[in-house]
Amino acid sequence: MNHSIKSADRTTHLKIVAVALILGASLAAFGASVRPGANAVQTVHVLKAGQPTMISSSGILLVR
């Protein structure tokens, strides 16, 4: 049982690297499977600006 990475032996370091590689590969595979394919259609919604409006405030807080 190693409580510190500093005092860990070689096999503990190897286990940590192996787990990190497995998790990294599974995360990359999951990301690739979730990504839409080349046939996916992407649409862009364009928003046009309306008339300008003026907003004013007195800046006074009313506490009752």
PDB file of N, CA and C in Angstrom:
ATOM      1  N   MET A   1       0.861  -1.171   0.000  1.00  0.00           N
ATOM      2  CA  MET A   1       0.000   0.000   0.000  1.00  0.00           C
ATOM      3  C   MET A   1       0.908   1.234   0.000  1.00  0.00           C
ATOM      4  N   ASN A   2       0.850   2.010  -1.067  1.00  0.00           N
ATOM      5  CA  ASN A   2       1.626   3.237  -1.171  1.00  0.00           C
ATOM      6  C   ASN A   2       0.693   4.423  -0.990  1.00  0.00           C
ATOM      7  N   HIS A   3       0.996   5.235  -0.020  1.00  0.00           N
ATOM      8  CA  HIS A   3       0.145   6.389   0.257  1.00  0.00           C
ATOM      9  C   HIS A   3       0.626   7.644  -0.444  1.00  0.00           C
ATOM     10  N   SER A   4       1.768   7.593  -1.077  1.00  0.00           N
ATOM     11  CA  SER A   4       2.306   8.750  -1.772  1.00  0.00           C
ATOM     12  C   SER A   4       2.869   8.304  -3.111  1.00  0.00           C
ATOM     13  N   ILE A   5       2.678   9.133  -4.128  1.00  0.00           N
ATOM     14  CA  ILE A   5       3.231   8.805  -5.447  1.00  0.00           C
ATOM     15  C   ILE A   5       4.755   8.915  -5.416  1.00  0.00           C
ATOM     16  N   LYS A   6       5.245   9.715  -4.482  1.00  0.00           N
ATOM     17  CA  LYS A   6       6.694   9.902  -4.375  1.00  0.00           C
ATOM     18  C   LYS A   6       7.388   8.639  -3.876  1.00  0.00           C
ATOM     19  N   SER A   7       6.726   7.923  -2.969  1.00  0.00           N
ATOM     20  CA  SER A   7       7.350   6.725  -2.407  1.00  0.00           C
ATOM     21  C   SER A   7       6.893   5.447  -3.101  1.00  0.00           C
ATOM     22  N   ALA A   8       6.125   5.561  -4.165  1.00  0.00           N
ATOM     23  CA  ALA A   8       5.598   4.381  -4.855  1.00  0.00           C
ATOM     24  C   ALA A   8       6.698   3.667  -5.621  1.00  0.00           C
ATOM     25  N   ASP A   9       6.519   2.369  -5.748  1.00  0.00           N
ATOM     26  CA  ASP A   9       7.514   1.599  -6.478  1.00  0.00           C
ATOM     27  C   ASP A   9       7.171   1.538  -7.966  1.00  0.00           C
ATOM     28  N   ARG A  10       7.964   0.798  -8.696  1.00  0.00           N
ATOM     29  CA  ARG A  10       7.821   0.774 -10.155  1.00  0.00           C
ATOM     30  C   ARG A  10       6.488   0.187 -10.610  1.00  0.00           C
ATOM     31  N   THR A  11       6.021  -0.868  -9.956  1.00  0.00           N
ATOM     32  CA  THR A  11       4.765  -1.491 -10.378  1.00  0.00           C
ATOM     33  C   THR A  11       3.576  -0.565 -10.141  1.00  0.00           C
ATOM     34  N   THR A  12       3.623   0.230  -9.095  1.00  0.00           N
ATOM     35  CA  THR A  12       2.533   1.175  -8.835  1.00  0.00           C
ATOM     36  C   THR A  12       2.496   2.238  -9.922  1.00  0.00           C
ATOM     37  N   HIS A  13       3.638   2.744 -10.307  1.00  0.00           N
ATOM     38  CA  HIS A  13       3.703   3.718 -11.398  1.00  0.00           C
ATOM     39  C   HIS A  13       3.190   3.097 -12.699  1.00  0.00           C
ATOM     40  N   LEU A  14       3.529   1.853 -12.951  1.00  0.00           N
ATOM     41  CA  LEU A  14       3.073   1.170 -14.155  1.00  0.00           C
ATOM     42  C   LEU A  14       1.548   1.012 -14.145  1.00  0.00           C
ATOM     43  N   LYS A  15       0.983   0.684 -12.982  1.00  0.00           N
ATOM     44  CA  LYS A  15      -0.473   0.556 -12.874  1.00  0.00           C
ATOM     45  C   LYS A  15      -1.160   1.898 -13.139  1.00  0.00           C
ATOM     46  N   ILE A  16      -0.606   2.969 -12.617  1.00  0.00           N
ATOM     47  CA  ILE A  16      -1.186   4.298 -12.815  1.00  0.00           C
ATOM     48  C   ILE A  16      -1.147   4.677 -14.288  1.00  0.00           C
ATOM     49  N   VAL A  17      -0.038   4.428 -14.954  1.00  0.00           N
ATOM     50  CA  VAL A  17       0.086   4.747 -16.373  1.00  0.00           C
ATOM     51  C   VAL A  17      -0.861   3.887 -17.200  1.00  0.00           C
ATOM     52  N   ALA A  18      -0.999   2.615 -16.857  1.00  0.00           N
ATOM     53  CA  ALA A  18      -1.894   1.727 -17.595  1.00  0.00           C
ATOM     54  C   ALA A  18      -3.347   2.168 -17.453  1.00  0.00           C
ATOM     55  N   VAL A  19      -3.765   2.521 -16.248  1.00  0.00           N
ATOM     56  CA  VAL A  19      -5.140   2.989 -16.035  1.00  0.00           C
ATOM     57  C   VAL A  19      -5.374   4.292 -16.790  1.00  0.00           C
ATOM     58  N   ALA A  20      -4.403   5.194 -16.776  1.00  0.00           N
ATOM     59  CA  ALA A  20      -4.553   6.462 -17.484  1.00  0.00           C
ATOM     60  C   ALA A  20      -4.657   6.237 -18.997  1.00  0.00           C
ATOM     61  N   LEU A  21      -3.880   5.326 -19.543  1.00  0.00           N
ATOM     62  CA  LEU A  21      -3.952   5.027 -20.977  1.00  0.00           C
ATOM     63  C   LEU A  21      -5.287   4.391 -21.354  1.00  0.00           C
ATOM     64  N   ILE A  22      -5.779   3.488 -20.529  1.00  0.00           N
ATOM     65  CA  ILE A  22      -7.067   2.842 -20.801  1.00  0.00           C
ATOM     66  C   ILE A  22      -8.195   3.866 -20.748  1.00  0.00           C
ATOM     67  N   LEU A  23      -8.199   4.717 -19.737  1.00  0.00           N
ATOM     68  CA  LEU A  23      -9.240   5.736 -19.630  1.00  0.00           C
ATOM     69  C   LEU A  23      -9.149   6.750 -20.766  1.00  0.00           C
ATOM     70  N   GLY A  24      -7.952   7.132 -21.146  1.00  0.00           N
ATOM     71  CA  GLY A  24      -7.781   8.063 -22.260  1.00  0.00           C
ATOM     72  C   GLY A  24      -8.261   7.482 -23.571  1.00  0.00           C
ATOM     73  N   ALA A  25      -7.956   6.213 -23.804  1.00  0.00           N
ATOM     74  CA  ALA A  25      -8.403   5.565 -25.036  1.00  0.00           C
ATOM     75  C   ALA A  25      -9.916   5.407 -25.059  1.00  0.00           C
ATOM     76  N   SER A  26     -10.502   5.067 -23.919  1.00  0.00           N
ATOM     77  CA  SER A  26     -11.960   4.917 -23.883  1.00  0.00           C
ATOM     78  C   SER A  26     -12.652   6.268 -24.051  1.00  0.00           C
ATOM     79  N   LEU A  27     -12.083   7.324 -23.508  1.00  0.00           N
ATOM     80  CA  LEU A  27     -12.649   8.660 -23.689  1.00  0.00           C
ATOM     81  C   LEU A  27     -12.560   9.099 -25.153  1.00  0.00           C
ATOM     82  N   ALA A  28     -11.439   8.817 -25.796  1.00  0.00           N
ATOM     83  CA  ALA A  28     -11.294   9.162 -27.217  1.00  0.00           C
ATOM     84  C   ALA A  28     -12.262   8.361 -28.081  1.00  0.00           C
ATOM     85  N   ALA A  29     -12.463   7.092 -27.757  1.00  0.00           N
ATOM     86  CA  ALA A  29     -13.404   6.266 -28.512  1.00  0.00           C
ATOM     87  C   ALA A  29     -14.832   6.754 -28.313  1.00  0.00           C
ATOM     88  N   PHE A  30     -15.168   7.131 -27.099  1.00  0.00           N
ATOM     89  CA  PHE A  30     -16.505   7.656 -26.832  1.00  0.00           C
ATOM     90  C   PHE A  30     -16.721   8.964 -27.590  1.00  0.00           C
ATOM     91  N   GLY A  31     -15.750   9.846 -27.586  1.00  0.00           N
ATOM     92  CA  GLY A  31     -15.855  11.109 -28.307  1.00  0.00           C
ATOM     93  C   GLY A  31     -15.994  10.908 -29.803  1.00  0.00           C
ATOM     94  N   ALA A  32     -15.300   9.928 -30.349  1.00  0.00           N
ATOM     95  CA  ALA A  32     -15.394   9.656 -31.778  1.00  0.00           C
ATOM     96  C   ALA A  32     -16.747   9.052 -32.134  1.00  0.00           C
ATOM     97  N   SER A  33     -17.321   8.277 -31.230  1.00  0.00           N
ATOM     98  CA  SER A  33     -18.614   7.663 -31.527  1.00  0.00           C
ATOM     99  C   SER A  33     -19.758   8.656 -31.393  1.00  0.00           C
ATOM    100  N   VAL A  34     -19.616   9.656 -30.555  1.00  0.00           N
ATOM    101  CA  VAL A  34     -20.660  10.647 -30.348  1.00  0.00           C
ATOM    102  C   VAL A  34     -20.635  11.716 -31.438  1.00  0.00           C
ATOM    103  N   ARG A  35     -19.496  11.952 -32.014  1.00  0.00           N
ATOM    104  CA  ARG A  35     -19.331  12.990 -33.030  1.00  0.00           C
ATOM    105  C   ARG A  35     -20.196  12.687 -34.249  1.00  0.00           C
ATOM    106  N   PRO A  36     -20.903  13.687 -34.772  1.00  0.00           N
ATOM    107  CA  PRO A  36     -21.723  13.431 -35.952  1.00  0.00           C
ATOM    108  C   PRO A  36     -20.852  13.110 -37.170  1.00  0.00           C
ATOM    109  N   GLY A  37     -21.393  12.319 -38.069  1.00  0.00           N
ATOM    110  CA  GLY A  37     -20.644  11.896 -39.252  1.00  0.00           C
ATOM    111  C   GLY A  37     -20.509  13.014 -40.271  1.00  0.00           C
ATOM    112  N   ALA A  38     -19.893  12.688 -41.393  1.00  0.00           N
ATOM    113  CA  ALA A  38     -19.664  13.672 -42.449  1.00  0.00           C
ATOM    114  C   ALA A  38     -20.957  14.018 -43.175  1.00  0.00           C
ATOM    115  N   ASN A  39     -21.977  13.157 -43.074  1.00  0.00           N
ATOM    116  CA  ASN A  39     -23.236  13.382 -43.769  1.00  0.00           C
ATOM    117  C   ASN A  39     -24.196  14.261 -42.973  1.00  0.00           C
ATOM    118  N   ALA A  40     -23.833  14.617 -41.760  1.00  0.00           N
ATOM    119  CA  ALA A  40     -24.726  15.401 -40.914  1.00  0.00           C
ATOM    120  C   ALA A  40     -24.895  16.813 -41.500  1.00  0.00           C
ATOM    121  N   VAL A  41     -26.126  17.285 -41.521  1.00  0.00           N
ATOM    122  CA  VAL A  41     -26.425  18.608 -42.053  1.00  0.00           C
ATOM    123  C   VAL A  41     -26.434  19.605 -40.900  1.00  0.00           C
ATOM    124  N   GLN A  42     -25.690  20.656 -41.065  1.00  0.00           N
ATOM    125  CA  GLN A  42     -25.643  21.686 -40.043  1.00  0.00           C
ATOM    126  C   GLN A  42     -26.314  22.937 -40.581  1.00  0.00           C
ATOM    127  N   THR A  43     -27.196  23.502 -39.778  1.00  0.00           N
ATOM    128  CA  THR A  43     -27.892  24.719 -40.187  1.00  0.00           C
ATOM    129  C   THR A  43     -27.459  25.863 -39.296  1.00  0.00           C
ATOM    130  N   VAL A  44     -27.482  27.036 -39.875  1.00  0.00           N
ATOM    131  CA  VAL A  44     -27.100  28.243 -39.150  1.00  0.00           C
ATOM    132  C   VAL A  44     -28.328  29.138 -39.066  1.00  0.00           C
ATOM    133  N   HIS A  45     -28.641  29.581 -37.873  1.00  0.00           N
ATOM    134  CA  HIS A  45     -29.760  30.485 -37.679  1.00  0.00           C
ATOM    135  C   HIS A  45     -29.215  31.907 -37.575  1.00  0.00           C
ATOM    136  N   VAL A  46     -29.685  32.789 -38.434  1.00  0.00           N
ATOM    137  CA  VAL A  46     -29.215  34.165 -38.461  1.00  0.00           C
ATOM    138  C   VAL A  46     -30.218  35.030 -37.718  1.00  0.00           C
ATOM    139  N   LEU A  47     -29.726  35.809 -36.776  1.00  0.00           N
ATOM    140  CA  LEU A  47     -30.574  36.732 -36.037  1.00  0.00           C
ATOM    141  C   LEU A  47     -30.292  38.140 -36.541  1.00  0.00           C
ATOM    142  N   LYS A  48     -31.347  38.854 -36.916  1.00  0.00           N
ATOM    143  CA  LYS A  48     -31.178  40.229 -37.369  1.00  0.00           C
ATOM    144  C   LYS A  48     -31.486  41.161 -36.210  1.00  0.00           C
ATOM    145  N   ALA A  49     -30.731  42.220 -36.130  1.00  0.00           N
ATOM    146  CA  ALA A  49     -30.933  43.184 -35.063  1.00  0.00           C
ATOM    147  C   ALA A  49     -32.191  43.997 -35.338  1.00  0.00           C
ATOM    148  N   GLY A  50     -32.933  44.290 -34.282  1.00  0.00           N
ATOM    149  CA  GLY A  50     -34.142  45.092 -34.403  1.00  0.00           C
ATOM    150  C   GLY A  50     -33.818  46.571 -34.227  1.00  0.00           C
ATOM    151  N   GLN A  51     -34.826  47.334 -33.908  1.00  0.00           N
ATOM    152  CA  GLN A  51     -34.637  48.764 -33.683  1.00  0.00           C
ATOM    153  C   GLN A  51     -33.864  48.985 -32.388  1.00  0.00           C
ATOM    154  N   PRO A  52     -33.022  50.013 -32.339  1.00  0.00           N
ATOM    155  CA  PRO A  52     -32.292  50.286 -31.101  1.00  0.00           C
ATOM    156  C   PRO A  52     -33.255  50.755 -30.007  1.00  0.00           C
ATOM    157  N   THR A  53     -32.974  50.381 -28.791  1.00  0.00           N
ATOM    158  CA  THR A  53     -33.796  50.787 -27.653  1.00  0.00           C
ATOM    159  C   THR A  53     -32.919  51.503 -26.646  1.00  0.00           C
ATOM    160  N   MET A  54     -33.525  52.367 -25.860  1.00  0.00           N
ATOM    161  CA  MET A  54     -32.794  53.099 -24.838  1.00  0.00           C
ATOM    162  C   MET A  54     -33.280  52.619 -23.476  1.00  0.00           C
ATOM    163  N   ILE A  55     -32.359  52.246 -22.647  1.00  0.00           N
ATOM    164  CA  ILE A  55     -32.686  51.792 -21.303  1.00  0.00           C
ATOM    165  C   ILE A  55     -32.038  52.765 -20.331  1.00  0.00           C
ATOM    166  N   SER A  56     -32.840  53.249 -19.410  1.00  0.00           N
ATOM    167  CA  SER A  56     -32.267  54.158 -18.403  1.00  0.00           C
ATOM    168  C   SER A  56     -32.691  53.677 -17.020  1.00  0.00           C
ATOM    169  N   SER A  57     -31.883  54.012 -16.056  1.00  0.00           N
ATOM    170  CA  SER A  57     -32.155  53.639 -14.671  1.00  0.00           C
ATOM    171  C   SER A  57     -31.597  54.731 -13.783  1.00  0.00           C
ATOM    172  N   SER A  58     -32.327  54.985 -12.689  1.00  0.00           N
ATOM    173  CA  SER A  58     -31.858  56.036 -11.765  1.00  0.00           C
ATOM    174  C   SER A  58     -30.745  55.502 -10.866  1.00  0.00           C
ATOM    175  N   GLY A  59     -30.632  54.194 -10.754  1.00  0.00           N
ATOM    176  CA  GLY A  59     -29.576  53.640  -9.941  1.00  0.00           C
ATOM    177  C   GLY A  59     -29.876  53.656  -8.448  1.00  0.00           C
ATOM    178  N   ILE A  60     -31.071  54.071  -8.048  1.00  0.00           N
ATOM    179  CA  ILE A  60     -31.434  54.140  -6.626  1.00  0.00           C
ATOM    180  C   ILE A  60     -32.163  52.873  -6.257  1.00  0.00           C
ATOM    181  N   LEU A  61     -31.735  52.245  -5.174  1.00  0.00           N
ATOM    182  CA  LEU A  61     -32.388  51.049  -4.677  1.00  0.00           C
ATOM    183  C   LEU A  61     -33.455  51.463  -3.672  1.00  0.00           C
ATOM    184  N   LEU A  62     -34.601  50.900  -3.790  1.00  0.00           N
ATOM    185  CA  LEU A  62     -35.711  51.209  -2.894  1.00  0.00           C
ATOM    186  C   LEU A  62     -35.886  50.050  -1.944  1.00  0.00           C
ATOM    187  N   VAL A  63     -35.717  50.316  -0.652  1.00  0.00           N
ATOM    188  CA  VAL A  63     -35.879  49.292   0.370  1.00  0.00           C
ATOM    189  C   VAL A  63     -37.057  49.672   1.235  1.00  0.00           C
ATOM    190  N   ARG A  64     -38.017  48.791   1.358  1.00  0.00           N
ATOM    191  CA  ARG A  64     -39.186  49.049   2.205  1.00  0.00           C
ATOM    192  C   ARG A  64     -39.221  48.110   3.353  1.00  0.00           C
TER     193      ARG A  64
END
